[in-house]
């Protein structure tokens, strides 16, 4: 049990039990339930987007059945590699305790998933499946990116129930109260910051989705948006994964922000140039067709005028012939 409070928001102390349901020795934790809920909602979202793109539900399920397990494994491996000493059971002989070490590694329900590992592994799996099914990879990435945000929005609340992913001490209005070593401290609720950041990103991504200029724009937006937010929020955390003196998630976040932003600018300008070229080409073709049509009309009009003129000349000729005196009549008069 963990006691937390948010005095600045008018929320007093509440007790949090990380276990949602238990059956004897079997425990189902809130962390696992929330992660599963996020996955379900993410798949439903992708199904909705796929319908708009004419991609079948079967294809979406096939993609989900590959990238979700790969994403979870990747997220766990990334975390374990960065924090391997925490999972290594060192009491006694290594080989005798290998089973306990492996159990520690696979105990995902106790927390310890790194989102960047999930993105990398899930992204690689997605590209492979999309190519096999001959679906535009960037089209699928655009559908999946906001879905990943749904998982992150909810997933951070799994961290809350585990009492993890919080920041250092602060007196900010949204501070979270925790008890450590019999003393209450107030810390940054960084899980909340990241959840709200992703919620804003999800809303913006769906607004942009209707106006995107090129395939892959939503994916690159997600990379840039999340990278920037994580870069800032990571600085506040007390449990960052470290490589030397660097917070690895902060470094990766910075790289993602730069790469995502550059790709948006480059591909956006290319799409704009392609559209301008298509407009010029269309205008040129339209002008030629219109000119050709005008010439045909002029030619048709000239032929019609000539025909009318010939008809008028024929009528006039007949009238003249009709009015001319016959030779026999003239001869008779002279006689």
Protein backbone atom coordinates (compact mmCIF):
# COMPACT_ATOMS: atom_id res chain seq x y z
CA UNK A 1 0.00 0.00 0.00
CA UNK A 2 1.18 3.49 -0.86
CA UNK A 3 -0.28 6.74 0.46
CA UNK A 4 -0.37 9.65 -1.97
CA UNK A 5 -1.94 13.10 -1.98
CA UNK A 6 -2.25 16.16 -4.19
CA UNK A 7 -2.76 19.01 -1.69
CA UNK A 8 -2.46 21.73 -4.33
CA UNK A 9 -5.39 20.15 -6.20
CA UNK A 10 -7.46 19.64 -3.05
CA UNK A 11 -6.95 15.86 -2.98
CA UNK A 12 -6.09 14.46 0.45
CA UNK A 13 -4.28 11.24 1.24
CA UNK A 14 -5.47 8.13 -0.55
CA UNK A 15 -4.15 4.60 -0.29
CA UNK A 16 -3.08 2.89 -3.48
CA UNK A 17 -2.87 -0.86 -3.80
CA UNK A 18 -0.90 -1.96 -6.87
CA UNK A 19 -2.83 -5.25 -6.85
CA UNK A 20 -6.25 -5.04 -8.49
CA UNK A 21 -7.40 -8.64 -7.99
CA UNK A 22 -5.84 -11.63 -6.24
CA UNK A 23 -6.67 -15.32 -6.31
CA UNK A 24 -4.60 -16.97 -3.62
CA UNK A 25 -0.99 -16.47 -4.69
CA UNK A 26 -2.02 -15.18 -8.10
CA UNK A 27 -2.13 -11.38 -8.36
CA UNK A 28 -3.46 -9.22 -11.17
CA UNK A 29 -1.95 -5.78 -10.89
CA UNK A 30 -3.38 -2.47 -11.99
CA UNK A 31 -0.25 -1.91 -14.07
CA UNK A 32 -0.99 -4.94 -16.24
CA UNK A 33 -4.71 -4.19 -16.54
CA UNK A 34 -4.08 -0.60 -17.60
CA UNK A 35 -1.46 -1.64 -20.17
CA UNK A 36 -3.90 -4.21 -21.62
CA UNK A 37 -6.68 -1.61 -21.77
CA UNK A 38 -4.36 0.77 -23.61
CA UNK A 39 -3.52 -1.94 -26.15
CA UNK A 40 -7.19 -2.74 -26.80
CA UNK A 41 -8.10 0.92 -27.31
CA UNK A 42 -5.06 1.40 -29.56
CA UNK A 43 -6.10 -1.51 -31.80
CA UNK A 44 -9.68 -0.18 -32.02
CA UNK A 45 -8.33 3.22 -33.04
CA UNK A 46 -6.17 1.71 -35.79
CA UNK A 47 -9.20 -0.27 -37.04
CA UNK A 48 -11.12 3.00 -37.38
CA UNK A 49 -8.33 4.65 -39.35
CA UNK A 50 -7.79 1.53 -41.46
CA UNK A 51 -11.44 1.55 -42.51
CA UNK A 52 -11.00 5.09 -43.83
CA UNK A 53 -7.98 3.95 -45.86
CA UNK A 54 -9.62 0.83 -47.21
CA UNK A 55 -7.39 -1.54 -45.20
CA UNK A 56 -9.13 -4.68 -43.95
CA UNK A 57 -9.69 -5.51 -40.28
CA UNK A 58 -7.84 -8.79 -40.81
CA UNK A 59 -4.75 -6.89 -41.89
CA UNK A 60 -4.97 -4.69 -38.79
CA UNK A 61 -5.28 -7.73 -36.51
CA UNK A 62 -2.34 -9.41 -38.23
CA UNK A 63 -0.25 -6.28 -37.69
CA UNK A 64 -1.36 -5.99 -34.05
CA UNK A 65 -0.58 -9.64 -33.29
CA UNK A 66 2.99 -9.03 -34.42
CA UNK A 67 3.87 -5.53 -33.24
CA UNK A 68 2.28 -5.69 -29.75
CA UNK A 69 4.32 -8.69 -28.52
CA UNK A 70 7.42 -7.31 -30.25
CA UNK A 71 6.81 -3.91 -28.67
CA UNK A 72 6.44 -5.36 -25.17
CA UNK A 73 9.54 -7.53 -25.55
CA UNK A 74 11.51 -4.60 -26.95
CA UNK A 75 10.40 -2.28 -24.14
CA UNK A 76 11.37 -4.83 -21.52
CA UNK A 77 14.73 -5.70 -23.07
CA UNK A 78 15.62 -2.02 -23.41
CA UNK A 79 14.88 -1.49 -19.71
CA UNK A 80 16.64 -4.68 -18.57
CA UNK A 81 19.78 -3.89 -20.58
CA UNK A 82 19.97 -0.42 -19.07
CA UNK A 83 19.31 -1.68 -15.53
CA UNK A 84 20.70 -5.21 -15.69
CA UNK A 85 22.25 -5.10 -12.21
CA UNK A 86 18.78 -4.72 -10.70
CA UNK A 87 17.62 -8.00 -12.25
CA UNK A 88 20.73 -10.05 -11.65
CA UNK A 89 20.26 -12.40 -8.68
CA UNK A 90 23.75 -12.38 -7.15
CA UNK A 91 23.14 -14.27 -3.90
CA UNK A 92 25.22 -17.47 -4.26
CA UNK A 93 26.29 -19.19 -7.44
CA UNK A 94 25.21 -17.47 -10.66
CA UNK A 95 24.16 -20.63 -12.51
CA UNK A 96 22.16 -21.98 -9.59
CA UNK A 97 20.29 -18.69 -9.39
CA UNK A 98 19.86 -18.28 -13.16
CA UNK A 99 16.18 -19.26 -12.91
CA UNK A 100 15.54 -16.49 -10.38
CA UNK A 101 17.36 -13.98 -12.59
CA UNK A 102 15.23 -14.95 -15.59
CA UNK A 103 12.08 -14.69 -13.47
CA UNK A 104 13.09 -11.17 -12.45
CA UNK A 105 13.63 -10.27 -16.11
CA UNK A 106 10.19 -11.45 -17.27
CA UNK A 107 8.28 -9.96 -14.31
CA UNK A 108 6.77 -7.22 -16.45
CA UNK A 109 3.79 -6.89 -14.12
CA UNK A 110 6.05 -5.29 -11.51
CA UNK A 111 6.90 -2.43 -13.88
CA UNK A 112 9.93 -1.66 -15.98
CA UNK A 113 9.01 -1.02 -19.61
CA UNK A 114 10.96 1.55 -21.62
CA UNK A 115 8.81 3.11 -24.31
CA UNK A 116 11.73 3.75 -26.66
CA UNK A 117 12.56 0.05 -26.73
CA UNK A 118 8.92 -0.66 -27.56
CA UNK A 119 8.88 1.92 -30.35
CA UNK A 120 12.07 0.56 -31.91
CA UNK A 121 11.07 -3.12 -31.78
CA UNK A 122 7.43 -2.48 -32.68
CA UNK A 123 8.45 -0.17 -35.51
CA UNK A 124 10.77 -2.75 -37.06
CA UNK A 125 8.04 -5.40 -36.81
CA UNK A 126 5.48 -3.03 -38.35
CA UNK A 127 7.71 -2.27 -41.34
CA UNK A 128 8.26 -5.98 -41.98
CA UNK A 129 4.55 -6.85 -41.81
CA UNK A 130 3.51 -3.86 -43.94
CA UNK A 131 5.99 -4.80 -46.64
CA UNK A 132 4.86 -8.42 -46.61
CA UNK A 133 1.24 -7.34 -47.00
CA UNK A 134 2.24 -4.72 -49.59
CA UNK A 135 0.71 -1.84 -47.62
CA UNK A 136 2.31 1.61 -47.68
CA UNK A 137 4.54 1.63 -44.59
CA UNK A 138 4.10 5.33 -43.85
CA UNK A 139 0.33 5.00 -44.15
CA UNK A 140 0.37 2.35 -41.42
CA UNK A 141 2.81 4.39 -39.30
CA UNK A 142 0.42 7.35 -39.48
CA UNK A 143 -2.41 5.14 -38.21
CA UNK A 144 -0.35 3.55 -35.44
CA UNK A 145 1.38 6.69 -34.06
CA UNK A 146 -1.73 8.19 -32.37
CA UNK A 147 -2.62 4.69 -31.16
CA UNK A 148 0.75 4.49 -29.39
CA UNK A 149 -0.12 7.78 -27.69
CA UNK A 150 -3.29 6.17 -26.32
CA UNK A 151 -1.16 3.44 -24.78
CA UNK A 152 1.18 6.03 -23.26
CA UNK A 153 -1.65 8.18 -21.90
CA UNK A 154 -3.03 5.21 -19.97
CA UNK A 155 0.26 3.43 -19.34
CA UNK A 156 1.62 6.25 -17.20
CA UNK A 157 -1.24 5.69 -14.78
CA UNK A 158 0.05 2.15 -14.39
CA UNK A 159 3.25 3.79 -13.12
CA UNK A 160 1.12 5.76 -10.67
CA UNK A 161 -0.36 2.60 -9.16
CA UNK A 162 3.14 1.14 -8.86
CA UNK A 163 4.35 4.30 -7.14
CA UNK A 164 7.06 4.91 -9.75
CA UNK A 165 8.07 7.34 -12.50
CA UNK A 166 7.85 10.43 -10.30
CA UNK A 167 10.21 13.38 -10.06
CA UNK A 168 12.22 15.18 -7.44
CA UNK A 169 10.91 17.32 -4.59
CA UNK A 170 8.97 20.46 -5.43
CA UNK A 171 6.37 22.90 -4.13
CA UNK A 172 4.55 23.29 -7.46
CA UNK A 173 0.73 23.51 -7.27
CA UNK A 174 0.24 20.00 -8.66
CA UNK A 175 2.82 18.39 -6.38
CA UNK A 176 2.24 14.83 -5.25
CA UNK A 177 2.71 13.84 -1.61
CA UNK A 178 4.50 10.56 -0.83
CA UNK A 179 5.71 8.91 2.37
CA UNK A 180 9.33 7.78 2.38
CA UNK A 181 11.14 6.51 5.48
CA UNK A 182 8.33 7.75 7.70
CA UNK A 183 8.49 11.27 6.26
CA UNK A 184 6.15 12.92 3.78
CA UNK A 185 7.74 14.53 0.76
CA UNK A 186 6.22 16.38 -2.19
CA UNK A 187 7.46 15.52 -5.66
CA UNK A 188 6.80 16.24 -9.34
CA UNK A 189 4.09 13.85 -10.64
CA UNK A 190 6.04 13.28 -13.86
CA UNK A 191 3.77 10.38 -14.80
CA UNK A 192 0.93 12.93 -14.91
CA UNK A 193 2.96 15.41 -16.94
CA UNK A 194 3.74 12.81 -19.58
CA UNK A 195 0.17 11.50 -19.67
CA UNK A 196 -1.21 15.01 -20.26
CA UNK A 197 1.52 15.80 -22.81
CA UNK A 198 0.56 12.73 -24.81
CA UNK A 199 -3.12 13.60 -24.51
CA UNK A 200 -2.44 17.00 -26.08
CA UNK A 201 -0.35 15.33 -28.78
CA UNK A 202 -3.13 12.85 -29.51
CA UNK A 203 -5.64 15.66 -30.04
CA UNK A 204 -3.27 17.62 -32.29
CA UNK A 205 -2.36 14.48 -34.29
CA UNK A 206 -6.02 13.81 -35.05
CA UNK A 207 -6.58 17.40 -36.14
CA UNK A 208 -3.55 17.19 -38.43
CA UNK A 209 -4.65 13.80 -39.76
CA UNK A 210 -7.42 15.37 -41.83
CA UNK A 211 -5.05 17.94 -43.31
CA UNK A 212 -1.81 16.00 -43.70
CA UNK A 213 0.19 16.83 -46.81
CA UNK A 214 2.14 13.59 -47.12
CA UNK A 215 2.14 10.02 -45.85
CA UNK A 216 4.24 9.76 -42.71
CA UNK A 217 3.50 13.28 -41.44
CA UNK A 218 1.60 12.08 -38.36
CA UNK A 219 4.33 9.60 -37.50
CA UNK A 220 7.05 12.25 -37.74
CA UNK A 221 4.88 14.63 -35.70
CA UNK A 222 4.59 11.98 -32.98
CA UNK A 223 8.35 11.40 -32.95
CA UNK A 224 9.05 15.12 -32.65
CA UNK A 225 6.25 15.86 -30.16
CA UNK A 226 6.96 13.02 -27.79
CA UNK A 227 10.72 13.46 -28.09
CA UNK A 228 10.51 17.13 -27.08
CA UNK A 229 8.17 16.46 -24.15
CA UNK A 230 10.19 13.50 -22.87
CA UNK A 231 13.40 15.51 -23.16
CA UNK A 232 11.99 18.13 -20.76
CA UNK A 233 10.13 15.82 -18.38
CA UNK A 234 13.02 13.37 -18.05
CA UNK A 235 15.12 16.09 -16.44
CA UNK A 236 12.69 16.12 -13.50
CA UNK A 237 12.70 12.37 -12.84
CA UNK A 238 14.67 10.58 -10.14
CA UNK A 239 14.65 7.12 -11.77
CA UNK A 240 16.15 7.90 -15.17
CA UNK A 241 18.05 5.23 -17.07
CA UNK A 242 21.64 6.46 -17.19
CA UNK A 243 24.57 5.91 -19.54
CA UNK A 244 27.50 7.53 -17.79
CA UNK A 245 26.38 11.02 -16.86
CA UNK A 246 23.67 11.16 -19.51
CA UNK A 247 19.97 10.42 -19.06
CA UNK A 248 19.53 8.08 -22.01
CA UNK A 249 15.82 8.87 -22.52
CA UNK A 250 16.62 12.57 -22.59
CA UNK A 251 19.29 12.07 -25.23
CA UNK A 252 17.02 9.84 -27.33
CA UNK A 253 14.20 12.35 -26.90
CA UNK A 254 16.39 15.16 -28.23
CA UNK A 255 17.44 13.07 -31.24
CA UNK A 256 13.81 12.13 -31.96
CA UNK A 257 12.75 15.77 -31.78
CA UNK A 258 15.44 16.85 -34.27
CA UNK A 259 14.85 13.94 -36.67
CA UNK A 260 11.06 14.31 -36.56
CA UNK A 261 11.18 18.07 -37.11
CA UNK A 262 13.67 17.83 -40.00
CA UNK A 263 11.59 15.12 -41.70
CA UNK A 264 8.41 17.20 -41.39
CA UNK A 265 10.14 20.19 -43.00
CA UNK A 266 11.89 18.23 -45.77
CA UNK A 267 8.98 15.99 -46.77
CA UNK A 268 6.53 18.85 -46.30
CA UNK A 269 8.46 21.07 -48.73
CA UNK A 270 8.75 18.19 -51.18
CA UNK A 271 5.00 17.58 -51.04
CA UNK A 272 4.37 21.29 -51.54
CA UNK A 273 6.69 21.37 -54.56
CA UNK A 274 5.05 18.27 -56.06
CA UNK A 275 1.62 19.82 -55.63
CA UNK A 276 2.75 23.06 -57.26
CA UNK A 277 4.23 21.10 -60.18
CA UNK A 278 0.99 19.17 -60.62
CA UNK A 279 -0.98 22.43 -60.59
CA UNK A 280 1.26 23.96 -63.27
CA UNK A 281 1.06 20.84 -65.41
CA UNK A 282 -2.70 20.70 -65.05
CA UNK A 283 -3.03 24.38 -65.96
CA UNK A 284 -0.80 23.86 -69.01
CA UNK A 285 -2.80 20.86 -70.20
CA UNK A 286 -6.05 22.69 -69.56
CA UNK A 287 -4.82 25.73 -71.50
CA UNK A 288 -3.77 23.56 -74.45
CA UNK A 289 -7.09 21.76 -74.48
CA UNK A 290 -8.94 25.04 -74.27
CA UNK A 291 -6.86 26.54 -77.10
CA UNK A 292 -7.40 23.47 -79.23
CA UNK A 293 -11.10 23.65 -78.47
CA UNK A 294 -11.19 27.32 -79.41
CA UNK A 295 -9.44 26.58 -82.70
CA UNK A 296 -11.91 23.81 -83.45
CA UNK A 297 -14.76 26.17 -82.62
CA UNK A 298 -13.28 28.88 -84.87
CA UNK A 299 -12.78 26.40 -87.66
CA UNK A 300 -16.30 25.09 -87.21
CA UNK A 301 -17.59 28.64 -87.16
CA UNK A 302 -15.69 29.50 -90.37
CA UNK A 303 -17.06 26.46 -92.17
CA UNK A 304 -20.55 27.40 -91.10
CA UNK A 305 -20.15 30.96 -92.30
CA UNK A 306 -18.83 29.77 -95.66
CA UNK A 307 -21.76 27.41 -96.01
CA UNK A 308 -24.22 30.18 -95.18
CA UNK A 309 -22.47 32.53 -97.63
CA UNK A 310 -22.64 29.91 -100.40
CA UNK A 311 -26.31 29.39 -99.68
CA UNK A 312 -26.96 33.12 -99.84
CA UNK A 313 -25.05 33.38 -103.14
CA UNK A 314 -27.07 30.55 -104.61
CA UNK A 315 -30.36 32.23 -103.67
CA UNK A 316 -29.17 35.57 -105.08
CA UNK A 317 -28.11 33.89 -108.29
CA UNK A 318 -31.53 32.33 -108.68
CA UNK A 319 -33.24 35.66 -108.12
CA UNK A 320 -31.09 37.36 -110.73
CA UNK A 321 -31.81 34.66 -113.27
CA UNK A 322 -35.49 34.94 -112.56
CA UNK A 323 -35.55 38.70 -113.16
CA UNK A 324 -33.61 38.57 -116.47
CA UNK A 325 -35.84 39.06 -119.69
CA UNK A 326 -36.01 36.13 -122.03
CA UNK A 327 -34.41 36.55 -125.51
CA UNK A 328 -37.55 35.46 -127.39
CA UNK A 329 -39.54 38.27 -125.88
CA UNK A 330 -37.03 40.87 -126.93
CA UNK A 331 -36.86 39.63 -130.49
CA UNK A 332 -40.62 39.74 -130.81
CA UNK A 333 -40.75 43.33 -129.63
CA UNK A 334 -38.18 44.38 -132.18
CA UNK A 335 -40.10 42.77 -134.93
